[in-house]
Amino acid sequence: MVSRDMDTHFDHTRCPNCDARMRLAEVEPPPVRNDFDFERHVYQCDRCSNLSRFVIDRKSRPETMTT
């Protein structure tokens, strides 16, 4: 797993392998423990089939997300 601070130029909708547009494939359910306030988003590239997972902090997430 790769963890990095979010750069203002980082675009999670772009594939890190081929730079094509990725689509939101799944929002994984939160962990069983309720003291975590995050969700995992899985993006898939239609060009090279890369799967990328991102942990989204629900506290800092905007109410509406567009992809």
C-alpha atoms as a PDB file:
ATOM      1  CA  MET A   1       0.000   0.000   0.000  1.00  0.00           C
ATOM      2  CA  VAL A   2       1.288   3.425  -0.934  1.00  0.00           C
ATOM      3  CA  SER A   3       0.420   6.336   1.279  1.00  0.00           C
ATOM      4  CA  ARG A   4       1.113   9.936   0.381  1.00  0.00           C
ATOM      5  CA  ASP A   5       0.075  13.387   1.391  1.00  0.00           C
ATOM      6  CA  MET A   6      -2.353  14.839  -1.085  1.00  0.00           C
ATOM      7  CA  ASP A   7      -0.604  17.140  -3.509  1.00  0.00           C
ATOM      8  CA  THR A   8      -2.729  19.890  -4.979  1.00  0.00           C
ATOM      9  CA  HIS A   9      -1.861  18.537  -8.460  1.00  0.00           C
ATOM     10  CA  PHE A  10      -2.771  14.928  -7.664  1.00  0.00           C
ATOM     11  CA  ASP A  11      -5.822  13.676  -9.565  1.00  0.00           C
ATOM     12  CA  HIS A  12      -7.201  10.422  -8.157  1.00  0.00           C
ATOM     13  CA  THR A  13      -9.368   9.991 -11.258  1.00  0.00           C
ATOM     14  CA  ARG A  14      -6.269   9.558 -13.456  1.00  0.00           C
ATOM     15  CA  CYS A  15      -4.572   6.174 -13.780  1.00  0.00           C
ATOM     16  CA  PRO A  16      -1.023   6.170 -12.342  1.00  0.00           C
ATOM     17  CA  ASN A  17       0.015   3.663 -15.058  1.00  0.00           C
ATOM     18  CA  CYS A  18      -1.337   5.145 -18.298  1.00  0.00           C
ATOM     19  CA  ASP A  19      -2.890   8.502 -17.245  1.00  0.00           C
ATOM     20  CA  ALA A  20      -6.311   7.542 -18.635  1.00  0.00           C
ATOM     21  CA  ARG A  21      -9.486   8.509 -16.817  1.00  0.00           C
ATOM     22  CA  MET A  22     -10.493   6.059 -14.073  1.00  0.00           C
ATOM     23  CA  ARG A  23     -14.029   5.318 -12.934  1.00  0.00           C
ATOM     24  CA  LEU A  24     -15.301   4.730  -9.423  1.00  0.00           C
ATOM     25  CA  ALA A  25     -15.837   0.975  -9.362  1.00  0.00           C
ATOM     26  CA  GLU A  26     -16.725   0.411  -5.709  1.00  0.00           C
ATOM     27  CA  VAL A  27     -17.073   2.059  -2.328  1.00  0.00           C
ATOM     28  CA  GLU A  28     -16.033  -0.571   0.193  1.00  0.00           C
ATOM     29  CA  PRO A  29     -18.010  -0.756   3.422  1.00  0.00           C
ATOM     30  CA  PRO A  30     -16.424   0.852   6.479  1.00  0.00           C
ATOM     31  CA  PRO A  31     -14.481  -1.359   8.893  1.00  0.00           C
ATOM     32  CA  VAL A  32     -16.396  -3.218  11.565  1.00  0.00           C
ATOM     33  CA  ARG A  33     -15.028  -0.957  14.282  1.00  0.00           C
ATOM     34  CA  ASN A  34     -17.091   2.216  14.405  1.00  0.00           C
ATOM     35  CA  ASP A  35     -14.315   4.476  15.683  1.00  0.00           C
ATOM     36  CA  PHE A  36     -12.946   4.838  12.134  1.00  0.00           C
ATOM     37  CA  ASP A  37     -14.473   7.571  10.029  1.00  0.00           C
ATOM     38  CA  PHE A  38     -13.219   6.727   6.559  1.00  0.00           C
ATOM     39  CA  GLU A  39     -14.233   4.732   3.533  1.00  0.00           C
ATOM     40  CA  ARG A  40     -12.248   3.030   0.791  1.00  0.00           C
ATOM     41  CA  HIS A  41     -12.899   3.981  -2.810  1.00  0.00           C
ATOM     42  CA  VAL A  42     -11.776   1.636  -5.584  1.00  0.00           C
ATOM     43  CA  TYR A  43     -11.137   3.145  -9.006  1.00  0.00           C
ATOM     44  CA  GLN A  44     -10.597   1.097 -12.176  1.00  0.00           C
ATOM     45  CA  CYS A  45      -8.941   2.148 -15.400  1.00  0.00           C
ATOM     46  CA  ASP A  46     -10.863   1.164 -18.516  1.00  0.00           C
ATOM     47  CA  ARG A  47      -7.721   1.292 -20.646  1.00  0.00           C
ATOM     48  CA  CYS A  48      -5.241  -0.862 -18.691  1.00  0.00           C
ATOM     49  CA  SER A  49      -7.512  -2.398 -15.988  1.00  0.00           C
ATOM     50  CA  ASN A  50      -5.408  -0.986 -13.142  1.00  0.00           C
ATOM     51  CA  LEU A  51      -7.187  -0.951  -9.771  1.00  0.00           C
ATOM     52  CA  SER A  52      -6.367   1.849  -7.347  1.00  0.00           C
ATOM     53  CA  ARG A  53      -7.690   2.100  -3.806  1.00  0.00           C
ATOM     54  CA  PHE A  54      -7.925   5.334  -1.891  1.00  0.00           C
ATOM     55  CA  VAL A  55      -8.833   5.938   1.729  1.00  0.00           C
ATOM     56  CA  ILE A  56     -11.195   8.878   2.009  1.00  0.00           C
ATOM     57  CA  ASP A  57     -11.555  10.666   5.331  1.00  0.00           C
ATOM     58  CA  ARG A  58     -15.298  11.210   5.640  1.00  0.00           C
ATOM     59  CA  LYS A  59     -14.802  14.199   7.940  1.00  0.00           C
ATOM     60  CA  SER A  60     -12.904  16.179   5.305  1.00  0.00           C
ATOM     61  CA  ARG A  61     -14.786  14.878   2.262  1.00  0.00           C
ATOM     62  CA  PRO A  62     -17.088  17.307   0.477  1.00  0.00           C
ATOM     63  CA  GLU A  63     -20.758  16.422   0.746  1.00  0.00           C
ATOM     64  CA  THR A  64     -21.030  15.836  -2.994  1.00  0.00           C
ATOM     65  CA  MET A  65     -18.276  14.145  -4.941  1.00  0.00           C
ATOM     66  CA  THR A  66     -18.135  14.234  -8.718  1.00  0.00           C
ATOM     67  CA  THR A  67     -16.046  11.957 -10.889  1.00  0.00           C
END
